[in-house]
Amino acid sequence: MAQIVIHLSRRTEIKHMSTEILSWNILSGGFKDYGSPEKRPERIDGLASVIKDLNPDIVSLVDTHRWTEVFTPDELKQIFGYPYVHTVKLEDQRLVTKGHDNGITVFSQIAETEIQTIWLATRNAIRTKVGGIDIFSVYLDDVSEDTRIKQIEAVLKLVNPNTPTIITGDLNTFDNDDLAETDKQLETLGRKFPGPMKSMKGSLNEMKRGEVTKILTNAGFVDLGKGKGDTVPAKLFPLPVNEPILRLDYAFGNNLIKLEEFKVITDEKYGNLSDHYPIWMRVSSIN
């Protein structure tokens, strides 16, 4: 089980009563690919630039591959311009065996941010407590829905029903309400790119089970991004698809979260930096 660590940032003011959160799968930590021998990710300056432009209170990044190896916390603070950062490896044995363990990184600029590394059945995740809200930053398994179920059930065991809570990240699953349109899009991709799509068939069929989002809904969570746009693919997706047609990146909030605004950011400058588009939200606590 991963060690729990807690840190506090020392900023003395909160920008506003609402909290702005950016959640983004940045693809291979900004490196050209998972096998890149470089010491500095090729896309890191571009990623930092667009995040600085948005200036959200909390930045939740997944697939921060090798960041614990190539950056110190102080270096990440300097690059992204945030006073607090916490980054962890997933420590997922399946990925370690493949040679790339990936990771999750959270930045905060809100005073008295408390953060924990948590263990979700097979890998690490991050829990951030800030402004009375719990934020779980997760990157679920990309192969098995059964594994994803175990991971999301581990998250739910940590949820305090009396605390405003958000669960966000790349869930690597489809929502049942999206499935009719998702099937159409996948059929179109299958005709255009039969070879690559055939190789992904097993993983896609697992995603189509849609159990993870159902579990969250049954637990009283609301899909904050439902009907607000797809997140995949962006420009760095290995197949030439011109617009996002699938939704893998989510934010779920419990009944103590008030959603003020939500959007998928599909500007070209974001699309050129990953195979996923980021999601951005402004939320506040009801209680």
Protein backbone atom coordinates (compact mmCIF):
# COMPACT_ATOMS: atom_id res chain seq x y z
CA MET A 1 0.00 0.00 0.00
CA ALA A 2 1.29 3.45 -0.87
CA GLN A 3 2.54 5.68 1.90
CA ILE A 4 0.22 8.57 2.77
CA VAL A 5 1.87 11.97 2.68
CA ILE A 6 0.41 15.34 3.65
CA HIS A 7 1.62 18.80 2.66
CA LEU A 8 0.40 22.35 3.23
CA SER A 9 0.81 25.32 0.94
CA ARG A 10 1.28 28.69 2.61
CA ARG A 11 -0.60 31.11 0.38
CA THR A 12 -2.66 33.42 2.56
CA GLU A 13 -5.55 34.33 0.24
CA ILE A 14 -8.15 32.40 -1.74
CA LYS A 15 -8.97 34.06 -5.04
CA HIS A 16 -12.74 33.62 -4.68
CA MET A 17 -15.33 31.47 -2.97
CA SER A 18 -15.57 29.25 -6.03
CA THR A 19 -12.81 26.83 -6.99
CA GLU A 20 -11.55 26.47 -10.56
CA ILE A 21 -10.21 23.04 -11.49
CA LEU A 22 -8.40 21.92 -14.63
CA SER A 23 -8.25 18.16 -15.27
CA TRP A 24 -6.13 16.86 -18.15
CA ASN A 25 -4.45 13.72 -19.49
CA ILE A 26 -1.26 15.19 -20.95
CA LEU A 27 0.04 12.03 -22.76
CA SER A 28 3.37 10.49 -21.79
CA GLY A 29 4.29 13.32 -19.44
CA GLY A 30 4.86 15.69 -22.33
CA PHE A 31 7.61 13.48 -23.75
CA LYS A 32 7.53 12.58 -27.44
CA ASP A 33 6.67 9.02 -26.43
CA TYR A 34 7.04 6.64 -23.49
CA GLY A 35 10.45 5.51 -24.73
CA SER A 36 11.95 8.97 -25.04
CA PRO A 37 15.46 9.16 -23.53
CA GLU A 38 15.25 12.93 -23.07
CA LYS A 39 15.76 14.48 -19.64
CA ARG A 40 13.17 17.20 -20.24
CA PRO A 41 9.75 16.57 -21.83
CA GLU A 42 9.53 18.10 -25.29
CA ARG A 43 6.04 19.54 -24.63
CA ILE A 44 6.57 20.75 -21.07
CA ASP A 45 6.91 24.45 -21.89
CA GLY A 46 3.79 24.41 -24.05
CA LEU A 47 1.83 22.64 -21.32
CA ALA A 48 3.00 25.12 -18.71
CA SER A 49 2.16 28.08 -20.94
CA VAL A 50 -1.48 27.15 -21.58
CA ILE A 51 -2.03 26.24 -17.93
CA LYS A 52 -0.63 29.61 -16.84
CA ASP A 53 -3.02 31.30 -19.27
CA LEU A 54 -6.00 29.61 -17.59
CA ASN A 55 -4.60 30.03 -14.08
CA PRO A 56 -7.00 27.61 -12.34
CA ASP A 57 -6.85 27.15 -8.58
CA ILE A 58 -6.22 23.42 -8.88
CA VAL A 59 -4.52 21.59 -11.76
CA SER A 60 -5.01 17.82 -11.89
CA LEU A 61 -2.78 16.14 -14.48
CA VAL A 62 -2.65 12.44 -15.29
CA ASP A 63 -0.09 10.52 -17.34
CA THR A 64 2.74 12.62 -15.90
CA HIS A 65 5.18 9.95 -17.05
CA ARG A 66 8.68 10.14 -15.44
CA TRP A 67 8.05 13.43 -13.66
CA THR A 68 9.20 12.04 -10.32
CA GLU A 69 12.48 11.11 -12.03
CA VAL A 70 13.27 14.18 -14.13
CA PHE A 71 11.89 17.01 -11.96
CA THR A 72 12.19 18.07 -8.36
CA PRO A 73 9.10 19.66 -6.78
CA ASP A 74 10.82 23.05 -6.84
CA GLU A 75 11.52 22.70 -10.56
CA LEU A 76 7.86 21.92 -11.26
CA LYS A 77 6.78 24.91 -9.16
CA GLN A 78 9.06 27.15 -11.19
CA ILE A 79 7.99 25.76 -14.58
CA PHE A 80 4.25 25.96 -13.92
CA GLY A 81 4.20 28.96 -11.60
CA TYR A 82 2.32 27.31 -8.74
CA PRO A 83 3.40 27.52 -5.10
CA TYR A 84 2.49 23.91 -4.39
CA VAL A 85 2.91 20.67 -6.32
CA HIS A 86 2.63 16.99 -5.50
CA THR A 87 3.53 14.28 -8.00
CA VAL A 88 3.41 10.49 -7.65
CA LYS A 89 4.10 7.41 -9.70
CA LEU A 90 1.15 5.10 -10.20
CA GLU A 91 3.25 2.14 -8.98
CA ASP A 92 0.99 -0.14 -11.02
CA GLN A 93 2.80 -3.45 -11.45
CA ARG A 94 1.27 -4.12 -14.88
CA LEU A 95 2.65 -0.83 -16.18
CA VAL A 96 5.98 -1.28 -14.42
CA THR A 97 6.37 -4.58 -16.26
CA LYS A 98 5.70 -2.77 -19.55
CA GLY A 99 8.42 -0.25 -18.75
CA HIS A 100 6.35 2.88 -18.16
CA ASP A 101 4.64 3.48 -14.84
CA ASN A 102 3.02 6.87 -15.60
CA GLY A 103 1.91 9.19 -12.82
CA ILE A 104 -0.40 11.86 -11.46
CA THR A 105 0.47 15.44 -10.52
CA VAL A 106 -1.58 18.07 -8.70
CA PHE A 107 -0.78 21.79 -8.49
CA SER A 108 -2.52 24.18 -6.10
CA GLN A 109 -2.44 27.89 -5.38
CA ILE A 110 -4.99 27.88 -2.55
CA ALA A 111 -3.94 28.32 1.06
CA GLU A 112 -3.83 25.32 3.39
CA THR A 113 -4.10 22.68 0.71
CA GLU A 114 -3.91 19.22 2.24
CA ILE A 115 -2.98 16.36 -0.04
CA GLN A 116 -2.63 12.60 0.28
CA THR A 117 -1.33 9.83 -1.90
CA ILE A 118 -4.00 7.12 -1.82
CA TRP A 119 -4.03 3.51 -3.02
CA LEU A 120 -6.72 2.29 -5.43
CA ALA A 121 -6.46 -1.51 -5.56
CA THR A 122 -3.63 -1.60 -8.14
CA ARG A 123 -2.23 1.93 -8.33
CA ASN A 124 -1.82 5.28 -6.66
CA ALA A 125 -4.08 8.32 -6.92
CA ILE A 126 -4.18 11.72 -5.22
CA ARG A 127 -6.70 13.16 -2.79
CA THR A 128 -6.68 16.94 -2.36
CA LYS A 129 -8.57 18.73 0.41
CA VAL A 130 -8.97 22.40 -0.35
CA GLY A 131 -11.51 25.05 0.59
CA GLY A 132 -13.77 22.46 2.22
CA ILE A 133 -13.84 20.28 -0.92
CA ASP A 134 -12.31 16.83 -1.47
CA ILE A 135 -10.89 16.31 -4.96
CA PHE A 136 -9.86 12.81 -6.03
CA SER A 137 -7.49 12.83 -9.03
CA VAL A 138 -7.58 9.40 -10.66
CA TYR A 139 -6.16 7.66 -13.71
CA LEU A 140 -7.98 4.35 -14.09
CA ASP A 141 -6.71 1.20 -15.79
CA ASP A 142 -6.75 1.30 -19.60
CA VAL A 143 -7.39 -2.41 -20.20
CA SER A 144 -9.92 -3.99 -17.83
CA GLU A 145 -13.30 -2.71 -16.66
CA ASP A 146 -13.14 -5.16 -13.74
CA THR A 147 -9.91 -3.51 -12.60
CA ARG A 148 -11.44 -0.07 -13.04
CA ILE A 149 -14.41 -1.17 -10.93
CA LYS A 150 -12.05 -2.17 -8.11
CA GLN A 151 -10.26 1.16 -8.39
CA ILE A 152 -13.40 3.31 -8.32
CA GLU A 153 -14.86 1.27 -5.45
CA ALA A 154 -11.65 2.00 -3.53
CA VAL A 155 -12.23 5.71 -4.13
CA LEU A 156 -15.81 5.53 -2.89
CA LYS A 157 -14.69 3.87 0.35
CA LEU A 158 -12.66 7.02 1.07
CA VAL A 159 -15.49 9.47 0.37
CA ASN A 160 -16.97 11.27 3.37
CA PRO A 161 -20.70 11.70 2.57
CA ASN A 162 -20.74 14.94 4.56
CA THR A 163 -17.97 16.53 2.49
CA PRO A 164 -18.36 18.16 -0.94
CA THR A 165 -16.47 15.79 -3.23
CA ILE A 166 -15.26 15.68 -6.82
CA ILE A 167 -13.78 12.64 -8.58
CA THR A 168 -11.96 13.63 -11.75
CA GLY A 169 -9.53 12.25 -14.29
CA ASP A 170 -9.22 9.82 -17.18
CA LEU A 171 -11.60 6.99 -16.26
CA ASN A 172 -10.84 5.03 -19.46
CA THR A 173 -14.48 4.01 -19.79
CA PHE A 174 -17.60 5.06 -21.66
CA ASP A 175 -20.83 6.24 -20.10
CA ASN A 176 -23.93 4.22 -21.00
CA ASP A 177 -25.82 7.36 -21.99
CA ASP A 178 -23.10 8.14 -24.55
CA LEU A 179 -22.93 4.61 -25.91
CA ALA A 180 -25.28 4.89 -28.92
CA GLU A 181 -23.29 7.81 -30.33
CA THR A 182 -19.99 6.24 -29.24
CA ASP A 183 -20.80 3.05 -31.17
CA LYS A 184 -21.49 5.08 -34.32
CA GLN A 185 -18.18 6.90 -33.99
CA LEU A 186 -16.25 3.68 -33.36
CA GLU A 187 -17.87 2.02 -36.38
CA THR A 188 -16.78 4.95 -38.53
CA LEU A 189 -13.24 4.73 -37.18
CA GLY A 190 -13.26 0.98 -37.80
CA ARG A 191 -14.04 1.51 -41.48
CA LYS A 192 -11.39 4.22 -41.87
CA PHE A 193 -8.65 2.53 -39.85
CA PRO A 194 -9.42 -1.21 -39.73
CA GLY A 195 -5.97 -2.35 -38.60
CA PRO A 196 -5.43 -0.05 -35.60
CA MET A 197 -9.06 -0.29 -34.50
CA LYS A 198 -8.93 -4.09 -34.59
CA SER A 199 -5.92 -4.02 -32.26
CA MET A 200 -7.90 -1.88 -29.79
CA LYS A 201 -11.09 -3.95 -29.99
CA GLY A 202 -10.60 -5.78 -26.69
CA SER A 203 -9.96 -2.63 -24.68
CA LEU A 204 -12.81 -0.77 -26.38
CA ASN A 205 -15.25 -3.59 -25.64
CA GLU A 206 -14.27 -3.37 -21.98
CA MET A 207 -14.88 0.38 -22.03
CA LYS A 208 -18.32 -0.17 -23.55
CA ARG A 209 -19.42 -2.06 -20.44
CA GLY A 210 -19.88 1.34 -18.78
CA GLU A 211 -19.91 -0.05 -15.25
CA VAL A 212 -17.68 2.59 -13.67
CA THR A 213 -19.90 5.59 -14.38
CA LYS A 214 -22.94 3.54 -13.35
CA ILE A 215 -21.32 2.78 -9.98
CA LEU A 216 -20.60 6.47 -9.43
CA THR A 217 -24.15 7.46 -10.35
CA ASN A 218 -25.61 4.78 -8.08
CA ALA A 219 -23.43 6.16 -5.27
CA GLY A 220 -25.13 9.54 -5.63
CA PHE A 221 -22.57 11.29 -7.82
CA VAL A 222 -23.55 13.52 -10.74
CA ASP A 223 -21.68 13.50 -14.05
CA LEU A 224 -20.74 17.19 -14.24
CA GLY A 225 -19.62 16.99 -17.87
CA LYS A 226 -22.59 15.10 -19.30
CA GLY A 227 -23.68 16.67 -22.56
CA LYS A 228 -20.87 19.22 -22.50
CA GLY A 229 -18.53 17.73 -25.07
CA ASP A 230 -16.12 14.92 -25.91
CA THR A 231 -12.46 14.89 -24.88
CA VAL A 232 -10.75 12.44 -27.28
CA PRO A 233 -9.01 12.53 -29.67
CA ALA A 234 -6.88 15.65 -29.79
CA LYS A 235 -4.14 16.27 -32.34
CA LEU A 236 -1.54 13.88 -30.91
CA PHE A 237 -3.87 10.87 -31.19
CA PRO A 238 -2.13 8.29 -33.43
CA LEU A 239 -5.00 8.30 -35.96
CA PRO A 240 -5.83 11.42 -38.03
CA VAL A 241 -9.21 12.36 -36.54
CA ASN A 242 -10.10 16.03 -36.85
CA GLU A 243 -12.32 16.52 -33.80
CA PRO A 244 -13.05 14.92 -30.42
CA ILE A 245 -15.66 12.17 -30.76
CA LEU A 246 -15.30 10.15 -27.53
CA ARG A 247 -15.52 10.98 -23.83
CA LEU A 248 -13.00 9.38 -21.47
CA ASP A 249 -12.27 12.29 -19.12
CA TYR A 250 -14.82 13.01 -16.42
CA ALA A 251 -15.65 14.95 -13.30
CA PHE A 252 -18.26 13.59 -10.91
CA GLY A 253 -19.58 15.59 -7.97
CA ASN A 254 -21.68 14.54 -5.01
CA ASN A 255 -24.84 16.33 -3.85
CA LEU A 256 -22.82 18.89 -1.88
CA ILE A 257 -21.12 20.25 -5.01
CA LYS A 258 -22.60 23.17 -6.92
CA LEU A 259 -21.45 23.29 -10.54
CA GLU A 260 -21.15 26.86 -11.76
CA GLU A 261 -19.49 26.25 -15.12
CA PHE A 262 -17.99 23.34 -17.06
CA LYS A 263 -16.32 23.11 -20.45
CA VAL A 264 -14.09 20.94 -22.58
CA ILE A 265 -11.33 23.21 -23.87
CA THR A 266 -10.91 22.37 -27.54
CA ASP A 267 -8.77 25.32 -28.61
CA GLU A 268 -6.08 24.26 -31.07
CA LYS A 269 -3.23 25.20 -28.74
CA TYR A 270 -4.46 22.59 -26.25
CA GLY A 271 -5.13 20.00 -28.92
CA ASN A 272 -1.55 20.23 -30.15
CA LEU A 273 -0.20 19.24 -26.73
CA SER A 274 -1.90 15.89 -26.02
CA ASP A 275 -4.22 13.22 -27.39
CA HIS A 276 -6.87 14.41 -24.89
CA TYR A 277 -8.48 17.80 -24.49
CA PRO A 278 -8.64 19.20 -20.93
CA ILE A 279 -11.79 19.71 -18.92
CA TRP A 280 -12.25 22.85 -16.82
CA MET A 281 -14.84 23.53 -14.16
CA ARG A 282 -15.80 26.13 -11.59
CA VAL A 283 -17.46 24.67 -8.51
CA SER A 284 -18.46 25.66 -5.02
CA SER A 285 -19.72 23.97 -1.89
CA ILE A 286 -23.45 23.85 -1.16
CA ASN A 287 -23.01 23.48 2.61
